[in-house]
């Protein structure tokens, strides 16, 4: 089992965190190794799997460390070794760029300070896979603004599914209090799953605010990196 543990450790080092929400079932936390192996297995024929399994088993007994390194190299290009999002039509970007401008004051006089370019990193998935309600999240913590009560301290992009007839899928950007409180939301809806990796200066209209800052007239775009 030495080679197997080496392979899993290398795969975890590759994605930087090791464990992510799995695609299967929309929830649960599975290792990137298991995800990669399951995807390879799903794409293979039973005969191919049997032949390769016999060869690799024999080799692994003799040279476990070297086989672990080789397998890790083989899996390195598999998109499953990074986090996957069941609400994306294709590849899931690990980071997205959010550009916000034109935010104006509401009850807070510092709101233009929220204008800027933010790089958000995939942080997880909530709920279930489509057609169930759920979403994938990209987050970035920012210096608190408009405090001390319920300051804006998080930029979050969500790509998810809800129960809206005709357009159940969405891309949404929220500038918010991480623990809940203040919020400023931009959102665009879609009839089918969005191609997350193809997002390029996708414009999201202003949708909603709690009143602390105003987004009417502001712009928000998202780009997959």
Protein backbone atom coordinates (compact mmCIF):
# COMPACT_ATOMS: atom_id res chain seq x y z
CA UNK A 1 0.00 0.00 0.00
CA UNK A 2 3.03 2.28 0.13
CA UNK A 3 2.69 3.41 -3.48
CA UNK A 4 -1.03 4.15 -3.04
CA UNK A 5 -0.33 6.46 -0.10
CA UNK A 6 2.45 8.21 -2.02
CA UNK A 7 0.11 8.75 -4.95
CA UNK A 8 -2.62 10.21 -2.74
CA UNK A 9 -0.14 12.50 -0.97
CA UNK A 10 1.23 13.80 -4.25
CA UNK A 11 -2.24 14.41 -5.62
CA UNK A 12 -3.15 16.32 -2.46
CA UNK A 13 -0.02 18.43 -2.78
CA UNK A 14 -0.88 19.16 -6.38
CA UNK A 15 -4.28 20.65 -5.64
CA UNK A 16 -2.99 22.43 -2.54
CA UNK A 17 -5.73 21.31 -0.21
CA UNK A 18 -6.16 17.62 -0.81
CA UNK A 19 -9.89 17.15 -0.33
CA UNK A 20 -12.74 18.84 -2.14
CA UNK A 21 -16.49 18.35 -2.49
CA UNK A 22 -16.96 15.54 -4.99
CA UNK A 23 -19.02 15.70 -8.14
CA UNK A 24 -20.78 12.39 -7.55
CA UNK A 25 -23.98 13.02 -5.64
CA UNK A 26 -23.22 16.71 -5.46
CA UNK A 27 -21.89 16.53 -1.93
CA UNK A 28 -19.61 14.62 0.37
CA UNK A 29 -15.86 15.04 0.52
CA UNK A 30 -13.71 12.63 -1.45
CA UNK A 31 -10.02 12.62 -2.17
CA UNK A 32 -8.87 13.93 -5.52
CA UNK A 33 -7.24 10.55 -6.05
CA UNK A 34 -10.49 8.64 -5.71
CA UNK A 35 -12.22 11.13 -8.00
CA UNK A 36 -9.54 10.74 -10.66
CA UNK A 37 -9.60 6.96 -10.47
CA UNK A 38 -13.40 6.87 -10.67
CA UNK A 39 -13.39 9.10 -13.72
CA UNK A 40 -10.74 7.00 -15.47
CA UNK A 41 -12.72 3.86 -14.65
CA UNK A 42 -15.95 5.34 -15.98
CA UNK A 43 -14.25 6.10 -19.30
CA UNK A 44 -12.67 2.65 -19.69
CA UNK A 45 -13.98 -0.73 -20.81
CA UNK A 46 -14.08 -3.63 -18.37
CA UNK A 47 -11.52 -5.57 -20.41
CA UNK A 48 -9.14 -2.62 -20.47
CA UNK A 49 -9.53 -2.14 -16.72
CA UNK A 50 -8.86 -5.80 -15.98
CA UNK A 51 -5.73 -5.92 -18.11
CA UNK A 52 -4.28 -2.71 -16.73
CA UNK A 53 -5.19 -3.66 -13.15
CA UNK A 54 -3.31 -6.98 -13.40
CA UNK A 55 -0.20 -5.33 -14.81
CA UNK A 56 -0.20 -2.47 -12.33
CA UNK A 57 -0.86 -4.76 -9.36
CA UNK A 58 2.15 -6.89 -10.22
CA UNK A 59 4.35 -3.84 -10.75
CA UNK A 60 3.12 -2.16 -7.58
CA UNK A 61 4.15 -5.14 -5.45
CA UNK A 62 7.68 -4.95 -6.82
CA UNK A 63 8.18 -1.16 -7.01
CA UNK A 64 5.51 0.60 -4.91
CA UNK A 65 7.22 3.98 -4.61
CA UNK A 66 8.11 4.29 -8.28
CA UNK A 67 4.63 3.19 -9.36
CA UNK A 68 3.09 5.76 -7.04
CA UNK A 69 5.18 8.50 -8.61
CA UNK A 70 4.31 7.32 -12.13
CA UNK A 71 0.59 7.15 -11.36
CA UNK A 72 0.67 10.62 -9.82
CA UNK A 73 2.27 11.94 -12.99
CA UNK A 74 -0.39 10.18 -15.09
CA UNK A 75 -3.23 11.70 -13.07
CA UNK A 76 -1.70 15.18 -12.98
CA UNK A 77 -3.58 16.28 -16.09
CA UNK A 78 -6.92 14.96 -14.92
CA UNK A 79 -9.32 17.84 -14.12
CA UNK A 80 -10.74 15.73 -11.30
CA UNK A 81 -7.53 16.19 -9.31
CA UNK A 82 -8.79 19.69 -8.65
CA UNK A 83 -12.17 20.69 -7.40
CA UNK A 84 -15.08 20.08 -9.74
CA UNK A 85 -18.45 21.83 -9.85
CA UNK A 86 -21.56 19.93 -10.90
CA UNK A 87 -23.24 23.25 -11.76
CA UNK A 88 -20.73 23.92 -14.55
CA UNK A 89 -21.37 22.58 -18.05
CA UNK A 90 -17.68 21.82 -18.62
CA UNK A 91 -14.36 22.42 -16.88
CA UNK A 92 -14.44 24.20 -13.53
CA UNK A 93 -12.08 27.19 -13.19
CA UNK A 94 -10.12 27.22 -9.94
CA UNK A 95 -10.12 31.02 -9.90
CA UNK A 96 -12.31 33.78 -11.30
CA UNK A 97 -11.77 37.49 -11.69
CA UNK A 98 -14.54 39.79 -10.49
CA UNK A 99 -14.45 43.45 -11.53
CA UNK A 100 -16.85 45.87 -9.83
CA UNK A 101 -17.20 49.59 -10.47
CA UNK A 102 -19.69 52.38 -9.86
CA UNK A 103 -20.89 51.37 -6.39
CA UNK A 104 -22.43 54.33 -4.61
CA UNK A 105 -23.20 55.20 -1.02
CA UNK A 106 -26.29 54.09 0.82
CA UNK A 107 -26.30 54.37 4.57
CA UNK A 108 -22.51 53.98 4.46
CA UNK A 109 -20.30 56.76 3.08
CA UNK A 110 -17.39 54.48 2.11
CA UNK A 111 -19.06 52.37 -0.56
CA UNK A 112 -16.93 53.45 -3.57
CA UNK A 113 -14.12 51.67 -1.74
CA UNK A 114 -15.73 48.40 -2.83
CA UNK A 115 -14.91 49.15 -6.48
CA UNK A 116 -12.03 47.02 -7.64
CA UNK A 117 -10.71 43.83 -9.21
CA UNK A 118 -10.92 40.68 -7.10
CA UNK A 119 -9.47 37.21 -7.69
CA UNK A 120 -11.72 34.63 -6.01
CA UNK A 121 -10.71 30.99 -5.46
CA UNK A 122 -12.97 27.95 -5.58
CA UNK A 123 -13.86 27.09 -2.00
CA UNK A 124 -16.53 24.40 -2.19
CA UNK A 125 -20.02 23.34 -3.17
CA UNK A 126 -23.28 23.50 -1.25
CA UNK A 127 -26.51 21.60 -1.79
CA UNK A 128 -26.89 18.98 -4.49
CA UNK A 129 -26.15 18.64 -8.20
CA UNK A 130 -28.66 19.90 -10.81
CA UNK A 131 -31.60 19.77 -10.86
CA UNK A 132 -31.32 19.97 -7.09
CA UNK A 133 -30.81 23.34 -5.45
CA UNK A 134 -27.13 24.03 -4.84
CA UNK A 135 -24.16 26.17 -5.81
CA UNK A 136 -20.38 26.23 -6.20
CA UNK A 137 -18.55 29.04 -4.43
CA UNK A 138 -15.47 31.13 -5.20
CA UNK A 139 -14.38 33.34 -2.26
CA UNK A 140 -11.99 36.14 -1.40
CA UNK A 141 -11.69 37.81 2.01
CA UNK A 142 -11.19 41.58 1.83
CA UNK A 143 -10.34 44.27 4.42
CA UNK A 144 -13.52 45.24 6.30
CA UNK A 145 -15.36 48.25 4.92
CA UNK A 146 -18.43 50.07 6.22
CA UNK A 147 -18.06 48.76 9.77
CA UNK A 148 -17.91 48.25 12.58
CA UNK A 149 -21.33 46.56 12.44
CA UNK A 150 -21.74 44.05 9.59
CA UNK A 151 -18.83 45.27 7.46
CA UNK A 152 -18.26 44.11 3.90
CA UNK A 153 -15.40 41.61 4.25
CA UNK A 154 -16.05 38.94 1.61
CA UNK A 155 -16.41 38.81 -2.18
CA UNK A 156 -18.17 35.63 -3.29
CA UNK A 157 -19.06 34.38 -6.75
CA UNK A 158 -21.63 31.58 -6.89
CA UNK A 159 -22.66 29.43 -9.82
CA UNK A 160 -25.73 27.41 -9.01
CA UNK A 161 -29.23 26.11 -9.55
CA UNK A 162 -32.53 27.03 -7.90
CA UNK A 163 -36.24 26.67 -8.67
CA UNK A 164 -36.74 29.64 -11.02
CA UNK A 165 -38.99 28.40 -13.89
CA UNK A 166 -37.31 28.63 -17.30
CA UNK A 167 -34.01 29.97 -15.99
CA UNK A 168 -32.98 27.82 -13.03
CA UNK A 169 -29.22 28.42 -13.36
CA UNK A 170 -27.32 31.53 -12.35
CA UNK A 171 -24.00 33.28 -11.90
CA UNK A 172 -24.07 35.57 -8.88
CA UNK A 173 -21.57 37.91 -7.22
CA UNK A 174 -22.13 39.05 -3.65
CA UNK A 175 -20.14 41.64 -1.72
CA UNK A 176 -21.15 40.82 1.81
CA UNK A 177 -20.46 40.29 5.47
CA UNK A 178 -18.95 36.80 5.70
CA UNK A 179 -20.95 35.96 8.83
CA UNK A 180 -24.15 37.42 7.38
CA UNK A 181 -25.45 40.96 7.47
CA UNK A 182 -24.65 43.47 4.73
CA UNK A 183 -24.94 42.44 1.08
CA UNK A 184 -24.79 43.82 -2.45
CA UNK A 185 -25.70 41.35 -5.19
CA UNK A 186 -25.21 41.15 -8.97
CA UNK A 187 -26.76 38.22 -10.88
CA UNK A 188 -27.45 36.80 -14.34
CA UNK A 189 -29.75 33.83 -15.01
CA UNK A 190 -29.47 31.08 -17.63
CA UNK A 191 -31.78 28.46 -19.12
CA UNK A 192 -29.01 25.83 -19.17
CA UNK A 193 -25.86 25.13 -17.19
CA UNK A 194 -23.28 27.85 -17.85
CA UNK A 195 -19.90 26.99 -19.33
CA UNK A 196 -17.95 28.23 -16.33
CA UNK A 197 -14.52 28.00 -17.95
CA UNK A 198 -15.69 30.14 -20.88
CA UNK A 199 -16.86 33.10 -18.79
CA UNK A 200 -15.12 36.18 -20.21
CA UNK A 201 -16.17 39.64 -19.06
CA UNK A 202 -19.63 38.22 -18.40
CA UNK A 203 -21.77 41.15 -17.27
CA UNK A 204 -23.99 40.63 -14.24
CA UNK A 205 -26.81 43.14 -13.66
CA UNK A 206 -27.33 44.64 -10.22
CA UNK A 207 -29.96 42.66 -8.34
CA UNK A 208 -30.33 43.44 -4.65
CA UNK A 209 -28.89 45.29 -1.64
CA UNK A 210 -29.56 45.61 2.06
CA UNK A 211 -29.25 49.40 1.65
CA UNK A 212 -25.81 50.00 3.13
CA UNK A 213 -24.35 50.41 -0.39
CA UNK A 214 -26.13 50.91 -3.71
CA UNK A 215 -25.52 49.06 -6.99
CA UNK A 216 -27.97 50.77 -9.34
CA UNK A 217 -25.79 52.07 -12.16
CA UNK A 218 -22.83 49.94 -11.08
CA UNK A 219 -21.24 47.27 -13.24
CA UNK A 220 -19.95 43.80 -12.41
CA UNK A 221 -18.13 41.41 -14.75
CA UNK A 222 -16.69 37.95 -14.18
CA UNK A 223 -13.94 36.13 -16.07
CA UNK A 224 -12.69 32.59 -15.60
CA UNK A 225 -8.93 32.37 -15.06
